[in-house]
Amino acid sequence: MPDYAGSASLRLGIATIFLLLGCASSPPLAMPTPATAPPARSNTPAPATGSEAAPGGTGDVAKGRVVYDTYCSACHGKNAEGLAAPDLRKVGANRDRAFITSWLVEPTAVKPGTTMPKVPLTDPDLRALVDFLLTLR
């Protein structure tokens, strides 16, 4: 049987290296929230009614909300606050009907490599969803 004799400091040094390497793959620690954080904003999107469609839409914002809840809320959040996917609470102020429609129809054509899946929507559901998203300002 071989003799694994070596100085104690060499063995301690090697053990320290392995310990540090093991810690290197740990995720970073979350920073604590400051005690004087600003008041929380409401996560509720602007109210949507069935009569306030954006130009070119169907006018069925209420149906668009149902479509959103069915296909989008799992990733974007019940109130569009963004969970695993981006926050959509201001999408209607930042994007127009044509962009949102093309994004929903073929996300990878708009942004290659995106993780946004292509959602199987009927034309009426697509128009209603876009109407709803345009109310989020």
C-alpha atoms as a PDB file:
ATOM      1  CA  MET A   1       0.000   0.000   0.000  1.00  0.00           C
ATOM      2  CA  PRO A   2       1.471   3.374  -0.964  1.00  0.00           C
ATOM      3  CA  ASP A   3       2.437   5.854   1.701  1.00  0.00           C
ATOM      4  CA  TYR A   4       0.539   9.105   1.240  1.00  0.00           C
ATOM      5  CA  ALA A   5       2.813  10.989   3.521  1.00  0.00           C
ATOM      6  CA  GLY A   6       2.980  14.694   2.986  1.00  0.00           C
ATOM      7  CA  SER A   7       3.113  17.745   5.065  1.00  0.00           C
ATOM      8  CA  ALA A   8      -0.017  18.687   6.920  1.00  0.00           C
ATOM      9  CA  SER A   9       0.105  22.144   5.344  1.00  0.00           C
ATOM     10  CA  LEU A  10       0.086  20.625   1.821  1.00  0.00           C
ATOM     11  CA  ARG A  11      -2.968  18.508   2.632  1.00  0.00           C
ATOM     12  CA  LEU A  12      -4.663  21.517   4.248  1.00  0.00           C
ATOM     13  CA  GLY A  13      -3.884  23.640   1.180  1.00  0.00           C
ATOM     14  CA  ILE A  14      -5.358  21.064  -1.194  1.00  0.00           C
ATOM     15  CA  ALA A  15      -8.454  20.691   0.975  1.00  0.00           C
ATOM     16  CA  THR A  16      -8.862  24.485   1.016  1.00  0.00           C
ATOM     17  CA  ILE A  17      -8.675  24.640  -2.786  1.00  0.00           C
ATOM     18  CA  PHE A  18     -11.411  22.013  -3.130  1.00  0.00           C
ATOM     19  CA  LEU A  19     -13.536  23.817  -0.560  1.00  0.00           C
ATOM     20  CA  LEU A  20     -13.206  27.118  -2.425  1.00  0.00           C
ATOM     21  CA  LEU A  21     -13.936  25.486  -5.780  1.00  0.00           C
ATOM     22  CA  GLY A  22     -17.072  23.946  -4.315  1.00  0.00           C
ATOM     23  CA  CYS A  23     -18.271  27.365  -3.193  1.00  0.00           C
ATOM     24  CA  ALA A  24     -17.554  28.988  -6.556  1.00  0.00           C
ATOM     25  CA  SER A  25     -20.549  27.343  -8.231  1.00  0.00           C
ATOM     26  CA  SER A  26     -23.040  28.581  -5.645  1.00  0.00           C
ATOM     27  CA  PRO A  27     -25.557  31.162  -6.863  1.00  0.00           C
ATOM     28  CA  PRO A  28     -25.053  34.702  -5.578  1.00  0.00           C
ATOM     29  CA  LEU A  29     -26.845  35.630  -2.394  1.00  0.00           C
ATOM     30  CA  ALA A  30     -29.842  37.923  -2.664  1.00  0.00           C
ATOM     31  CA  MET A  31     -29.287  41.415  -1.356  1.00  0.00           C
ATOM     32  CA  PRO A  32     -31.566  42.395   1.523  1.00  0.00           C
ATOM     33  CA  THR A  33     -34.251  44.967   0.825  1.00  0.00           C
ATOM     34  CA  PRO A  34     -33.476  48.345   2.391  1.00  0.00           C
ATOM     35  CA  ALA A  35     -35.617  49.284   5.366  1.00  0.00           C
ATOM     36  CA  THR A  36     -36.624  52.518   3.647  1.00  0.00           C
ATOM     37  CA  ALA A  37     -37.943  50.984   0.438  1.00  0.00           C
ATOM     38  CA  PRO A  38     -40.370  53.163  -1.514  1.00  0.00           C
ATOM     39  CA  PRO A  39     -44.043  52.250  -1.269  1.00  0.00           C
ATOM     40  CA  ALA A  40     -45.084  49.402  -3.530  1.00  0.00           C
ATOM     41  CA  ARG A  41     -46.944  50.241  -6.715  1.00  0.00           C
ATOM     42  CA  SER A  42     -50.136  48.509  -7.619  1.00  0.00           C
ATOM     43  CA  ASN A  43     -49.546  45.536  -9.889  1.00  0.00           C
ATOM     44  CA  THR A  44     -53.010  45.753 -11.346  1.00  0.00           C
ATOM     45  CA  PRO A  45     -53.104  46.756 -15.000  1.00  0.00           C
ATOM     46  CA  ALA A  46     -55.392  49.491 -16.199  1.00  0.00           C
ATOM     47  CA  PRO A  47     -59.011  48.403 -16.110  1.00  0.00           C
ATOM     48  CA  ALA A  48     -60.210  46.931 -19.364  1.00  0.00           C
ATOM     49  CA  THR A  49     -63.771  47.011 -20.590  1.00  0.00           C
ATOM     50  CA  GLY A  50     -65.293  45.502 -23.669  1.00  0.00           C
ATOM     51  CA  SER A  51     -65.737  48.905 -25.337  1.00  0.00           C
ATOM     52  CA  GLU A  52     -62.283  50.499 -25.350  1.00  0.00           C
ATOM     53  CA  ALA A  53     -60.500  48.886 -28.263  1.00  0.00           C
ATOM     54  CA  ALA A  54     -57.499  50.535 -29.807  1.00  0.00           C
ATOM     55  CA  PRO A  55     -57.845  51.616 -33.449  1.00  0.00           C
ATOM     56  CA  GLY A  56     -57.966  48.603 -35.755  1.00  0.00           C
ATOM     57  CA  GLY A  57     -59.059  46.224 -33.032  1.00  0.00           C
ATOM     58  CA  THR A  58     -62.148  44.177 -32.378  1.00  0.00           C
ATOM     59  CA  GLY A  59     -63.371  46.127 -29.392  1.00  0.00           C
ATOM     60  CA  ASP A  60     -63.411  42.965 -27.296  1.00  0.00           C
ATOM     61  CA  VAL A  61     -60.904  43.865 -24.584  1.00  0.00           C
ATOM     62  CA  ALA A  62     -62.741  41.699 -22.035  1.00  0.00           C
ATOM     63  CA  LYS A  63     -62.252  38.676 -24.289  1.00  0.00           C
ATOM     64  CA  GLY A  64     -58.601  39.698 -24.678  1.00  0.00           C
ATOM     65  CA  ARG A  65     -58.212  39.565 -20.902  1.00  0.00           C
ATOM     66  CA  VAL A  66     -59.565  36.001 -20.909  1.00  0.00           C
ATOM     67  CA  VAL A  67     -57.131  35.065 -23.692  1.00  0.00           C
ATOM     68  CA  TYR A  68     -54.295  36.677 -21.679  1.00  0.00           C
ATOM     69  CA  ASP A  69     -55.277  34.728 -18.558  1.00  0.00           C
ATOM     70  CA  THR A  70     -55.349  31.501 -20.589  1.00  0.00           C
ATOM     71  CA  TYR A  71     -52.128  31.803 -22.592  1.00  0.00           C
ATOM     72  CA  CYS A  72     -49.937  34.509 -21.053  1.00  0.00           C
ATOM     73  CA  SER A  73     -50.407  34.809 -17.299  1.00  0.00           C
ATOM     74  CA  ALA A  74     -48.396  31.698 -16.414  1.00  0.00           C
ATOM     75  CA  CYS A  75     -45.204  33.444 -17.543  1.00  0.00           C
ATOM     76  CA  HIS A  76     -46.090  37.153 -17.522  1.00  0.00           C
ATOM     77  CA  GLY A  77     -48.121  37.115 -14.280  1.00  0.00           C
ATOM     78  CA  LYS A  78     -51.804  37.466 -13.487  1.00  0.00           C
ATOM     79  CA  ASN A  79     -51.450  41.248 -13.497  1.00  0.00           C
ATOM     80  CA  ALA A  80     -48.829  41.410 -16.283  1.00  0.00           C
ATOM     81  CA  GLU A  81     -46.141  42.117 -13.679  1.00  0.00           C
ATOM     82  CA  GLY A  82     -43.681  39.678 -15.192  1.00  0.00           C
ATOM     83  CA  LEU A  83     -42.690  36.419 -13.557  1.00  0.00           C
ATOM     84  CA  ALA A  84     -40.559  34.193 -15.769  1.00  0.00           C
ATOM     85  CA  ALA A  85     -41.174  36.572 -18.683  1.00  0.00           C
ATOM     86  CA  PRO A  86     -41.008  40.380 -19.074  1.00  0.00           C
ATOM     87  CA  ASP A  87     -43.287  42.845 -17.301  1.00  0.00           C
ATOM     88  CA  LEU A  88     -46.101  43.865 -19.664  1.00  0.00           C
ATOM     89  CA  ARG A  89     -47.779  46.535 -17.534  1.00  0.00           C
ATOM     90  CA  LYS A  90     -46.627  49.321 -19.910  1.00  0.00           C
ATOM     91  CA  VAL A  91     -46.586  47.393 -23.198  1.00  0.00           C
ATOM     92  CA  GLY A  92     -49.472  49.427 -24.619  1.00  0.00           C
ATOM     93  CA  ALA A  93     -47.545  52.648 -24.070  1.00  0.00           C
ATOM     94  CA  ASN A  94     -44.324  51.288 -25.570  1.00  0.00           C
ATOM     95  CA  ARG A  95     -45.477  49.188 -28.548  1.00  0.00           C
ATOM     96  CA  ASP A  96     -48.027  49.610 -31.313  1.00  0.00           C
ATOM     97  CA  ARG A  97     -50.632  47.200 -32.672  1.00  0.00           C
ATOM     98  CA  ALA A  98     -48.454  46.042 -35.594  1.00  0.00           C
ATOM     99  CA  PHE A  99     -45.468  45.190 -33.388  1.00  0.00           C
ATOM    100  CA  ILE A 100     -47.503  43.329 -30.753  1.00  0.00           C
ATOM    101  CA  THR A 101     -49.365  41.392 -33.444  1.00  0.00           C
ATOM    102  CA  SER A 102     -46.195  40.342 -35.268  1.00  0.00           C
ATOM    103  CA  TRP A 103     -44.558  39.426 -31.944  1.00  0.00           C
ATOM    104  CA  LEU A 104     -47.460  37.147 -31.020  1.00  0.00           C
ATOM    105  CA  VAL A 105     -47.734  35.579 -34.484  1.00  0.00           C
ATOM    106  CA  GLU A 106     -44.026  34.740 -34.864  1.00  0.00           C
ATOM    107  CA  PRO A 107     -41.829  35.777 -31.900  1.00  0.00           C
ATOM    108  CA  THR A 108     -38.617  34.327 -33.358  1.00  0.00           C
ATOM    109  CA  ALA A 109     -39.033  36.378 -36.545  1.00  0.00           C
ATOM    110  CA  VAL A 110     -39.077  39.541 -34.436  1.00  0.00           C
ATOM    111  CA  LYS A 111     -36.315  38.465 -32.033  1.00  0.00           C
ATOM    112  CA  PRO A 112     -34.298  35.409 -33.057  1.00  0.00           C
ATOM    113  CA  GLY A 113     -33.435  33.200 -30.099  1.00  0.00           C
ATOM    114  CA  THR A 114     -36.273  34.433 -27.898  1.00  0.00           C
ATOM    115  CA  THR A 115     -37.758  32.024 -25.373  1.00  0.00           C
ATOM    116  CA  MET A 116     -41.253  33.362 -26.103  1.00  0.00           C
ATOM    117  CA  PRO A 117     -43.244  30.472 -27.586  1.00  0.00           C
ATOM    118  CA  LYS A 118     -45.494  30.820 -30.599  1.00  0.00           C
ATOM    119  CA  VAL A 119     -49.011  30.852 -29.136  1.00  0.00           C
ATOM    120  CA  PRO A 120     -51.710  29.030 -31.153  1.00  0.00           C
ATOM    121  CA  LEU A 121     -54.339  31.785 -31.356  1.00  0.00           C
ATOM    122  CA  THR A 122     -57.296  32.137 -33.674  1.00  0.00           C
ATOM    123  CA  ASP A 123     -57.503  35.464 -35.526  1.00  0.00           C
ATOM    124  CA  PRO A 124     -60.344  36.770 -33.291  1.00  0.00           C
ATOM    125  CA  ASP A 125     -58.440  35.756 -30.133  1.00  0.00           C
ATOM    126  CA  LEU A 126     -55.260  37.376 -31.456  1.00  0.00           C
ATOM    127  CA  ARG A 127     -57.056  40.664 -32.171  1.00  0.00           C
ATOM    128  CA  ALA A 128     -58.759  40.605 -28.759  1.00  0.00           C
ATOM    129  CA  LEU A 129     -55.457  39.867 -26.986  1.00  0.00           C
ATOM    130  CA  VAL A 130     -53.747  42.741 -28.798  1.00  0.00           C
ATOM    131  CA  ASP A 131     -56.665  45.023 -27.845  1.00  0.00           C
ATOM    132  CA  PHE A 132     -56.188  44.036 -24.213  1.00  0.00           C
ATOM    133  CA  LEU A 133     -52.398  44.456 -24.276  1.00  0.00           C
ATOM    134  CA  LEU A 134     -52.755  47.932 -25.774  1.00  0.00           C
ATOM    135  CA  THR A 135     -54.770  48.991 -22.696  1.00  0.00           C
ATOM    136  CA  LEU A 136     -51.789  48.231 -20.439  1.00  0.00           C
ATOM    137  CA  ARG A 137     -50.241  51.671 -20.023  1.00  0.00           C
END
